[in-house]
């Protein structure tokens, strides 16, 4: 029988989200995604006048304690 090992937390990808704010005050959140996907999403919104107002791990990320999920 083969041994089963878990992926160490240090190499698991984080699931992140960002809140963007437009100069007129409108805000929107991204969906949960990888950091690479989020960087692309942020770039697309910055081209039309948005700036990042918040950036954090999603509640579905492995690093968030169970009592917060």
Protein backbone atom coordinates (compact mmCIF):
# COMPACT_ATOMS: atom_id res chain seq x y z
CA UNK A 1 0.00 0.00 0.00
CA UNK A 2 1.31 3.47 -0.89
CA UNK A 3 1.61 6.18 1.73
CA UNK A 4 -0.54 9.27 1.32
CA UNK A 5 1.01 12.63 2.10
CA UNK A 6 -0.68 16.03 2.20
CA UNK A 7 0.65 18.99 0.25
CA UNK A 8 2.47 21.26 2.71
CA UNK A 9 0.55 24.47 3.38
CA UNK A 10 3.56 26.52 2.33
CA UNK A 11 3.17 25.39 -1.31
CA UNK A 12 -0.63 25.48 -1.57
CA UNK A 13 -1.89 28.37 -3.69
CA UNK A 14 -3.89 31.04 -1.89
CA UNK A 15 -7.41 31.92 -3.02
CA UNK A 16 -7.61 35.72 -3.08
CA UNK A 17 -10.07 38.52 -3.82
CA UNK A 18 -9.76 42.25 -4.43
CA UNK A 19 -12.06 45.22 -4.02
CA UNK A 20 -11.70 47.92 -6.66
CA UNK A 21 -12.87 51.51 -6.31
CA UNK A 22 -13.58 53.95 -9.13
CA UNK A 23 -12.91 57.68 -8.78
CA UNK A 24 -16.69 58.25 -8.64
CA UNK A 25 -16.92 56.06 -5.51
CA UNK A 26 -18.33 52.91 -7.13
CA UNK A 27 -16.81 49.73 -5.65
CA UNK A 28 -16.81 46.11 -6.77
CA UNK A 29 -15.31 42.82 -5.59
CA UNK A 30 -13.68 40.13 -7.68
CA UNK A 31 -14.67 36.51 -7.37
CA UNK A 32 -12.27 34.19 -5.50
CA UNK A 33 -9.32 33.27 -7.75
CA UNK A 34 -5.60 32.54 -7.81
CA UNK A 35 -3.12 35.40 -7.39
CA UNK A 36 -2.10 35.19 -11.05
CA UNK A 37 -5.72 35.39 -12.23
CA UNK A 38 -6.39 38.26 -9.84
CA UNK A 39 -3.38 40.25 -11.10
CA UNK A 40 -4.84 40.05 -14.62
CA UNK A 41 -8.32 41.02 -13.36
CA UNK A 42 -6.90 44.03 -11.46
CA UNK A 43 -4.93 45.14 -14.52
CA UNK A 44 -8.07 45.10 -16.69
CA UNK A 45 -9.98 47.32 -14.24
CA UNK A 46 -7.08 49.72 -13.66
CA UNK A 47 -7.18 50.50 -17.42
CA UNK A 48 -10.67 51.98 -16.97
CA UNK A 49 -10.04 54.10 -13.88
CA UNK A 50 -10.29 51.73 -10.90
CA UNK A 51 -7.75 51.38 -8.09
CA UNK A 52 -7.35 48.57 -5.55
CA UNK A 53 -8.97 49.44 -2.23
CA UNK A 54 -8.69 46.01 -0.54
CA UNK A 55 -6.85 42.76 -1.24
CA UNK A 56 -7.09 39.67 0.94
CA UNK A 57 -7.51 35.90 1.02
CA UNK A 58 -11.01 34.61 0.33
CA UNK A 59 -12.97 32.85 3.06
CA UNK A 60 -12.50 29.69 0.95
CA UNK A 61 -8.69 29.85 1.18
CA UNK A 62 -6.88 27.10 3.09
CA UNK A 63 -5.19 29.69 5.36
CA UNK A 64 -8.46 31.03 6.82
CA UNK A 65 -9.30 29.41 10.20
CA UNK A 66 -12.32 27.09 10.16
CA UNK A 67 -14.22 29.25 12.66
CA UNK A 68 -14.26 32.10 10.11
CA UNK A 69 -15.63 29.98 7.23
